Amino acid sequence: MSINLSQCFIAVDDHDKAIAFYRDVLGMEVRNDVGFEGMRWVTVGSPDQPDVNIVLEPPLADPNASQTDRATMNELLAKGLLRGVIFETDDVDATFERISAAGADVLQEPMDQPYGVRDCAFRDPAGNMLRFNQPRK
């Protein structure tokens, strides 16, 4: 039996800004762009991982959610309190330079961590934390 990651979800409040960041800054490819019931989902992914998709979705992708719940999710996203993802790179310093040169919000410059990686962190345009790590040799 095999279990593999297929998709993960990241909440965004502006899909066009998210596409510009994930495609143009991170080098992801846009794989799908779907609208349904006034909402939009955009699937991106690394060309090096064709079987793993990141779905950029509304903060609360449920057409039956209450206005109160939608407002709460929007507030959490605006505060940067929703979880993002961790990417692995073969050169964290070069990755940091490329992303910071594009004007991304830097949370942490590259540093060696006691748990065996060198990493850095940014916020995407929606405020999600994205970490980029490189295993230490």
N, C-alpha and C. Protein backbone atom coordinates (compact mmCIF):
# COMPACT_ATOMS: atom_id res chain seq x y z
N MET A 1 0.85 -1.18 0.00
CA MET A 1 0.00 0.00 0.00
C MET A 1 0.89 1.24 0.00
N SER A 2 0.55 2.20 -0.82
CA SER A 2 1.32 3.43 -0.94
C SER A 2 0.41 4.62 -0.61
N ILE A 3 0.92 5.53 0.19
CA ILE A 3 0.20 6.76 0.50
C ILE A 3 1.12 7.92 0.16
N ASN A 4 0.66 8.81 -0.72
CA ASN A 4 1.46 9.94 -1.17
C ASN A 4 0.66 11.23 -1.07
N LEU A 5 1.35 12.32 -0.83
CA LEU A 5 0.70 13.62 -0.83
C LEU A 5 0.30 13.97 -2.26
N SER A 6 -0.94 14.40 -2.43
CA SER A 6 -1.45 14.79 -3.74
C SER A 6 -1.68 16.30 -3.79
N GLN A 7 -2.37 16.84 -2.77
CA GLN A 7 -2.71 18.25 -2.76
C GLN A 7 -2.60 18.80 -1.35
N CYS A 8 -2.24 20.07 -1.28
CA CYS A 8 -2.37 20.81 -0.04
C CYS A 8 -3.03 22.13 -0.40
N PHE A 9 -3.58 22.81 0.59
CA PHE A 9 -4.38 24.00 0.34
C PHE A 9 -3.81 25.20 1.09
N ILE A 10 -3.78 26.33 0.41
CA ILE A 10 -3.33 27.58 1.01
C ILE A 10 -4.42 28.62 0.75
N ALA A 11 -4.87 29.27 1.81
CA ALA A 11 -5.90 30.30 1.68
C ALA A 11 -5.28 31.58 1.15
N VAL A 12 -5.94 32.18 0.17
CA VAL A 12 -5.49 33.46 -0.38
C VAL A 12 -6.68 34.40 -0.53
N ASP A 13 -6.42 35.69 -0.44
CA ASP A 13 -7.50 36.66 -0.58
C ASP A 13 -7.50 37.36 -1.93
N ASP A 14 -6.46 37.13 -2.74
CA ASP A 14 -6.38 37.73 -4.07
C ASP A 14 -5.64 36.73 -4.96
N HIS A 15 -6.39 36.01 -5.77
CA HIS A 15 -5.78 34.97 -6.60
C HIS A 15 -4.78 35.52 -7.61
N ASP A 16 -5.04 36.70 -8.16
CA ASP A 16 -4.11 37.25 -9.14
C ASP A 16 -2.76 37.59 -8.51
N LYS A 17 -2.77 38.16 -7.31
CA LYS A 17 -1.51 38.41 -6.60
C LYS A 17 -0.83 37.10 -6.23
N ALA A 18 -1.62 36.12 -5.82
CA ALA A 18 -1.06 34.81 -5.46
C ALA A 18 -0.42 34.15 -6.66
N ILE A 19 -1.08 34.20 -7.82
CA ILE A 19 -0.50 33.61 -9.03
C ILE A 19 0.82 34.30 -9.36
N ALA A 20 0.84 35.62 -9.31
CA ALA A 20 2.08 36.35 -9.61
C ALA A 20 3.21 35.92 -8.69
N PHE A 21 2.90 35.68 -7.42
CA PHE A 21 3.94 35.27 -6.47
C PHE A 21 4.37 33.82 -6.71
N TYR A 22 3.42 32.91 -6.71
CA TYR A 22 3.76 31.49 -6.82
C TYR A 22 4.34 31.13 -8.19
N ARG A 23 3.84 31.75 -9.24
CA ARG A 23 4.35 31.47 -10.59
C ARG A 23 5.61 32.26 -10.89
N ASP A 24 5.53 33.58 -10.75
CA ASP A 24 6.62 34.44 -11.22
C ASP A 24 7.79 34.51 -10.25
N VAL A 25 7.54 34.45 -8.96
CA VAL A 25 8.62 34.54 -7.97
C VAL A 25 9.16 33.15 -7.61
N LEU A 26 8.25 32.21 -7.32
CA LEU A 26 8.70 30.87 -6.90
C LEU A 26 8.95 29.92 -8.07
N GLY A 27 8.46 30.25 -9.25
CA GLY A 27 8.70 29.39 -10.41
C GLY A 27 7.74 28.22 -10.54
N MET A 28 6.60 28.30 -9.87
CA MET A 28 5.60 27.23 -9.98
C MET A 28 4.88 27.37 -11.32
N GLU A 29 4.28 26.28 -11.75
CA GLU A 29 3.45 26.34 -12.95
C GLU A 29 1.98 26.36 -12.52
N VAL A 30 1.17 27.11 -13.25
CA VAL A 30 -0.27 27.13 -13.00
C VAL A 30 -0.86 25.94 -13.73
N ARG A 31 -1.53 25.06 -12.98
CA ARG A 31 -2.05 23.83 -13.55
C ARG A 31 -3.56 23.85 -13.77
N ASN A 32 -4.25 24.70 -13.02
CA ASN A 32 -5.70 24.76 -13.15
C ASN A 32 -6.19 26.07 -12.56
N ASP A 33 -7.27 26.59 -13.11
CA ASP A 33 -7.88 27.83 -12.61
C ASP A 33 -9.38 27.67 -12.79
N VAL A 34 -10.07 27.44 -11.67
CA VAL A 34 -11.48 27.07 -11.73
C VAL A 34 -12.32 28.01 -10.88
N GLY A 35 -13.45 28.43 -11.42
CA GLY A 35 -14.42 29.20 -10.67
C GLY A 35 -15.68 28.37 -10.44
N PHE A 36 -16.29 28.56 -9.26
CA PHE A 36 -17.53 27.83 -8.94
C PHE A 36 -18.25 28.58 -7.83
N GLU A 37 -19.50 28.86 -8.05
CA GLU A 37 -20.36 29.53 -7.06
C GLU A 37 -19.71 30.79 -6.48
N GLY A 38 -19.13 31.60 -7.35
CA GLY A 38 -18.54 32.86 -6.92
C GLY A 38 -17.18 32.72 -6.26
N MET A 39 -16.62 31.52 -6.23
CA MET A 39 -15.30 31.31 -5.63
C MET A 39 -14.33 30.87 -6.73
N ARG A 40 -13.05 30.90 -6.40
CA ARG A 40 -12.02 30.55 -7.37
C ARG A 40 -10.96 29.69 -6.70
N TRP A 41 -10.52 28.67 -7.41
CA TRP A 41 -9.43 27.82 -6.97
C TRP A 41 -8.38 27.79 -8.07
N VAL A 42 -7.14 28.03 -7.72
CA VAL A 42 -6.03 27.98 -8.67
C VAL A 42 -5.05 26.93 -8.16
N THR A 43 -4.72 25.99 -9.02
CA THR A 43 -3.77 24.95 -8.65
C THR A 43 -2.42 25.27 -9.26
N VAL A 44 -1.38 25.27 -8.42
CA VAL A 44 -0.01 25.50 -8.86
C VAL A 44 0.84 24.33 -8.38
N GLY A 45 2.03 24.22 -8.93
CA GLY A 45 2.93 23.19 -8.47
C GLY A 45 4.30 23.33 -9.10
N SER A 46 5.26 22.70 -8.48
CA SER A 46 6.62 22.72 -8.99
C SER A 46 6.74 21.82 -10.21
N PRO A 47 7.40 22.28 -11.26
CA PRO A 47 7.63 21.41 -12.41
C PRO A 47 8.39 20.14 -12.03
N ASP A 48 9.16 20.20 -10.93
CA ASP A 48 9.92 19.04 -10.46
C ASP A 48 9.07 18.03 -9.69
N GLN A 49 7.83 18.40 -9.35
CA GLN A 49 6.92 17.51 -8.62
C GLN A 49 5.55 17.51 -9.30
N PRO A 50 5.43 16.86 -10.44
CA PRO A 50 4.17 16.92 -11.19
C PRO A 50 2.99 16.29 -10.47
N ASP A 51 3.23 15.44 -9.47
CA ASP A 51 2.14 14.77 -8.78
C ASP A 51 1.70 15.48 -7.49
N VAL A 52 2.33 16.62 -7.16
CA VAL A 52 1.99 17.36 -5.95
C VAL A 52 1.43 18.71 -6.36
N ASN A 53 0.22 19.01 -5.89
CA ASN A 53 -0.45 20.26 -6.24
C ASN A 53 -0.70 21.11 -5.00
N ILE A 54 -0.56 22.41 -5.17
CA ILE A 54 -0.91 23.37 -4.14
C ILE A 54 -2.14 24.12 -4.66
N VAL A 55 -3.23 24.03 -3.91
CA VAL A 55 -4.47 24.68 -4.32
C VAL A 55 -4.59 26.00 -3.57
N LEU A 56 -4.63 27.09 -4.31
CA LEU A 56 -4.82 28.42 -3.73
C LEU A 56 -6.33 28.64 -3.70
N GLU A 57 -6.88 28.68 -2.50
CA GLU A 57 -8.33 28.72 -2.35
C GLU A 57 -8.77 29.92 -1.52
N PRO A 58 -10.05 30.24 -1.57
CA PRO A 58 -10.56 31.32 -0.71
C PRO A 58 -10.36 30.96 0.77
N PRO A 59 -10.29 31.96 1.64
CA PRO A 59 -10.08 31.68 3.06
C PRO A 59 -11.10 30.72 3.67
N LEU A 60 -12.31 30.71 3.19
CA LEU A 60 -13.31 29.76 3.65
C LEU A 60 -14.07 29.27 2.41
N ALA A 61 -13.59 28.19 1.84
CA ALA A 61 -14.15 27.67 0.58
C ALA A 61 -15.34 26.76 0.84
N ASP A 62 -16.37 27.33 1.43
CA ASP A 62 -17.59 26.59 1.70
C ASP A 62 -18.77 27.51 1.38
N PRO A 63 -19.51 27.21 0.33
CA PRO A 63 -20.62 28.11 -0.04
C PRO A 63 -21.71 28.21 1.03
N ASN A 64 -21.72 27.29 1.98
CA ASN A 64 -22.74 27.32 3.03
C ASN A 64 -22.26 27.98 4.32
N ALA A 65 -21.04 28.48 4.32
CA ALA A 65 -20.49 29.10 5.53
C ALA A 65 -21.23 30.41 5.83
N SER A 66 -21.33 30.70 7.11
CA SER A 66 -22.00 31.95 7.51
C SER A 66 -21.09 33.14 7.25
N GLN A 67 -21.71 34.31 7.18
CA GLN A 67 -20.93 35.54 7.00
C GLN A 67 -19.98 35.75 8.18
N THR A 68 -20.41 35.38 9.37
CA THR A 68 -19.55 35.50 10.56
C THR A 68 -18.32 34.62 10.42
N ASP A 69 -18.50 33.39 9.98
CA ASP A 69 -17.37 32.48 9.79
C ASP A 69 -16.44 33.00 8.69
N ARG A 70 -17.00 33.52 7.61
CA ARG A 70 -16.17 34.08 6.53
C ARG A 70 -15.34 35.26 7.05
N ALA A 71 -15.96 36.12 7.83
CA ALA A 71 -15.26 37.28 8.38
C ALA A 71 -14.13 36.83 9.31
N THR A 72 -14.41 35.82 10.13
CA THR A 72 -13.39 35.29 11.05
C THR A 72 -12.20 34.75 10.28
N MET A 73 -12.45 33.96 9.23
CA MET A 73 -11.35 33.41 8.43
C MET A 73 -10.56 34.51 7.74
N ASN A 74 -11.25 35.52 7.23
CA ASN A 74 -10.55 36.64 6.59
C ASN A 74 -9.66 37.37 7.59
N GLU A 75 -10.15 37.53 8.82
CA GLU A 75 -9.35 38.18 9.86
C GLU A 75 -8.12 37.34 10.22
N LEU A 76 -8.28 36.04 10.34
CA LEU A 76 -7.15 35.16 10.65
C LEU A 76 -6.11 35.20 9.53
N LEU A 77 -6.57 35.19 8.28
CA LEU A 77 -5.66 35.28 7.15
C LEU A 77 -4.91 36.61 7.17
N ALA A 78 -5.63 37.69 7.40
CA ALA A 78 -5.00 39.03 7.43
C ALA A 78 -3.94 39.14 8.52
N LYS A 79 -4.12 38.41 9.63
CA LYS A 79 -3.14 38.42 10.72
C LYS A 79 -1.98 37.46 10.48
N GLY A 80 -2.06 36.66 9.42
CA GLY A 80 -1.03 35.68 9.15
C GLY A 80 -1.08 34.48 10.07
N LEU A 81 -2.27 34.14 10.57
CA LEU A 81 -2.39 33.06 11.55
C LEU A 81 -2.78 31.71 10.94
N LEU A 82 -2.98 31.66 9.62
CA LEU A 82 -3.25 30.38 8.98
C LEU A 82 -1.93 29.76 8.56
N ARG A 83 -1.86 28.45 8.58
CA ARG A 83 -0.61 27.77 8.27
C ARG A 83 -0.30 27.82 6.79
N GLY A 84 0.97 27.87 6.47
CA GLY A 84 1.43 27.81 5.10
C GLY A 84 2.07 26.48 4.82
N VAL A 85 3.13 26.47 4.06
CA VAL A 85 3.81 25.23 3.72
C VAL A 85 5.32 25.40 3.88
N ILE A 86 6.00 24.27 3.89
CA ILE A 86 7.46 24.26 3.93
C ILE A 86 7.94 23.65 2.62
N PHE A 87 8.79 24.39 1.93
CA PHE A 87 9.38 23.92 0.69
C PHE A 87 10.82 23.50 0.96
N GLU A 88 11.32 22.54 0.20
CA GLU A 88 12.72 22.17 0.27
C GLU A 88 13.42 22.70 -0.97
N THR A 89 14.63 23.19 -0.78
CA THR A 89 15.42 23.73 -1.88
C THR A 89 16.84 23.19 -1.77
N ASP A 90 17.54 23.18 -2.89
CA ASP A 90 18.92 22.71 -2.85
C ASP A 90 19.90 23.85 -2.56
N ASP A 91 19.40 25.09 -2.52
CA ASP A 91 20.26 26.24 -2.20
C ASP A 91 19.41 27.32 -1.53
N VAL A 92 19.32 27.25 -0.21
CA VAL A 92 18.45 28.16 0.53
C VAL A 92 18.92 29.61 0.41
N ASP A 93 20.22 29.84 0.33
CA ASP A 93 20.70 31.22 0.23
C ASP A 93 20.33 31.85 -1.11
N ALA A 94 20.47 31.10 -2.20
CA ALA A 94 20.07 31.62 -3.51
C ALA A 94 18.55 31.80 -3.57
N THR A 95 17.81 30.88 -2.98
CA THR A 95 16.36 31.00 -2.93
C THR A 95 15.96 32.26 -2.17
N PHE A 96 16.61 32.49 -1.04
CA PHE A 96 16.33 33.69 -0.25
C PHE A 96 16.60 34.95 -1.08
N GLU A 97 17.72 34.99 -1.76
CA GLU A 97 18.06 36.17 -2.55
C GLU A 97 17.02 36.43 -3.63
N ARG A 98 16.60 35.38 -4.33
CA ARG A 98 15.62 35.54 -5.41
C ARG A 98 14.28 36.04 -4.87
N ILE A 99 13.80 35.44 -3.78
CA ILE A 99 12.49 35.81 -3.26
C ILE A 99 12.53 37.19 -2.61
N SER A 100 13.57 37.50 -1.88
CA SER A 100 13.65 38.82 -1.24
C SER A 100 13.84 39.91 -2.29
N ALA A 101 14.57 39.62 -3.37
CA ALA A 101 14.74 40.61 -4.44
C ALA A 101 13.42 40.94 -5.13
N ALA A 102 12.48 40.01 -5.08
CA ALA A 102 11.15 40.24 -5.67
C ALA A 102 10.25 41.06 -4.74
N GLY A 103 10.75 41.38 -3.54
CA GLY A 103 9.99 42.23 -2.63
C GLY A 103 9.11 41.50 -1.64
N ALA A 104 9.30 40.19 -1.50
CA ALA A 104 8.48 39.42 -0.55
C ALA A 104 8.79 39.86 0.88
N ASP A 105 7.82 39.70 1.74
CA ASP A 105 7.94 40.05 3.16
C ASP A 105 8.81 39.01 3.86
N VAL A 106 10.02 39.41 4.26
CA VAL A 106 10.97 38.50 4.90
C VAL A 106 10.62 38.34 6.38
N LEU A 107 10.48 37.10 6.81
CA LEU A 107 10.26 36.80 8.23
C LEU A 107 11.55 36.34 8.90
N GLN A 108 12.39 35.64 8.14
CA GLN A 108 13.64 35.14 8.71
C GLN A 108 14.66 34.97 7.59
N GLU A 109 15.82 35.55 7.78
CA GLU A 109 16.92 35.34 6.84
C GLU A 109 17.47 33.94 7.02
N PRO A 110 18.23 33.42 6.04
CA PRO A 110 18.76 32.06 6.16
C PRO A 110 19.58 31.88 7.43
N MET A 111 19.31 30.76 8.10
CA MET A 111 20.07 30.42 9.30
C MET A 111 20.06 28.92 9.51
N ASP A 112 21.09 28.42 10.17
CA ASP A 112 21.16 27.00 10.50
C ASP A 112 20.29 26.73 11.72
N GLN A 113 19.47 25.70 11.62
CA GLN A 113 18.57 25.33 12.70
C GLN A 113 19.13 24.10 13.42
N PRO A 114 18.83 23.96 14.71
CA PRO A 114 19.36 22.82 15.46
C PRO A 114 18.74 21.48 15.03
N TYR A 115 17.66 21.51 14.25
CA TYR A 115 17.02 20.28 13.81
C TYR A 115 17.48 19.83 12.42
N GLY A 116 18.65 20.33 11.98
CA GLY A 116 19.29 19.78 10.80
C GLY A 116 19.04 20.40 9.46
N VAL A 117 18.47 21.60 9.43
CA VAL A 117 18.26 22.28 8.15
C VAL A 117 18.79 23.71 8.25
N ARG A 118 19.06 24.28 7.10
CA ARG A 118 19.29 25.71 6.98
C ARG A 118 18.02 26.23 6.33
N ASP A 119 17.39 27.25 6.92
CA ASP A 119 16.13 27.69 6.35
C ASP A 119 15.94 29.20 6.44
N CYS A 120 14.90 29.65 5.74
CA CYS A 120 14.49 31.05 5.76
C CYS A 120 12.97 31.06 5.67
N ALA A 121 12.36 32.22 5.90
CA ALA A 121 10.90 32.28 5.88
C ALA A 121 10.42 33.62 5.33
N PHE A 122 9.29 33.56 4.64
CA PHE A 122 8.63 34.72 4.05
C PHE A 122 7.14 34.63 4.30
N ARG A 123 6.45 35.73 4.02
CA ARG A 123 4.99 35.72 3.93
C ARG A 123 4.64 35.87 2.45
N ASP A 124 3.63 35.12 2.02
CA ASP A 124 3.14 35.31 0.65
C ASP A 124 2.24 36.55 0.64
N PRO A 125 1.72 36.97 -0.51
CA PRO A 125 0.90 38.19 -0.55
C PRO A 125 -0.33 38.16 0.36
N ALA A 126 -0.83 36.97 0.70
CA ALA A 126 -2.00 36.86 1.58
C ALA A 126 -1.61 36.82 3.05
N GLY A 127 -0.32 36.70 3.35
CA GLY A 127 0.13 36.68 4.74
C GLY A 127 0.50 35.30 5.26
N ASN A 128 0.39 34.26 4.43
CA ASN A 128 0.75 32.91 4.85
C ASN A 128 2.27 32.79 5.01
N MET A 129 2.69 32.07 6.06
CA MET A 129 4.12 31.85 6.24
C MET A 129 4.58 30.70 5.35
N LEU A 130 5.64 30.97 4.61
CA LEU A 130 6.26 29.95 3.77
C LEU A 130 7.71 29.82 4.21
N ARG A 131 8.11 28.59 4.52
CA ARG A 131 9.49 28.32 4.92
C ARG A 131 10.17 27.59 3.77
N PHE A 132 11.44 27.86 3.61
CA PHE A 132 12.26 27.22 2.58
C PHE A 132 13.45 26.63 3.30
N ASN A 133 13.61 25.30 3.22
CA ASN A 133 14.73 24.71 3.94
C ASN A 133 15.60 23.86 3.02
N GLN A 134 16.84 23.71 3.48
CA GLN A 134 17.83 22.91 2.80
C GLN A 134 18.45 22.00 3.84
N PRO A 135 18.35 20.69 3.65
CA PRO A 135 18.99 19.79 4.62
C PRO A 135 20.49 20.05 4.68
N ARG A 136 21.02 20.08 5.90
CA ARG A 136 22.46 20.26 6.05
C ARG A 136 23.16 18.95 5.78
N LYS A 137 24.32 19.07 5.19
CA LYS A 137 25.10 17.86 4.88
C LYS A 137 26.11 17.57 5.92
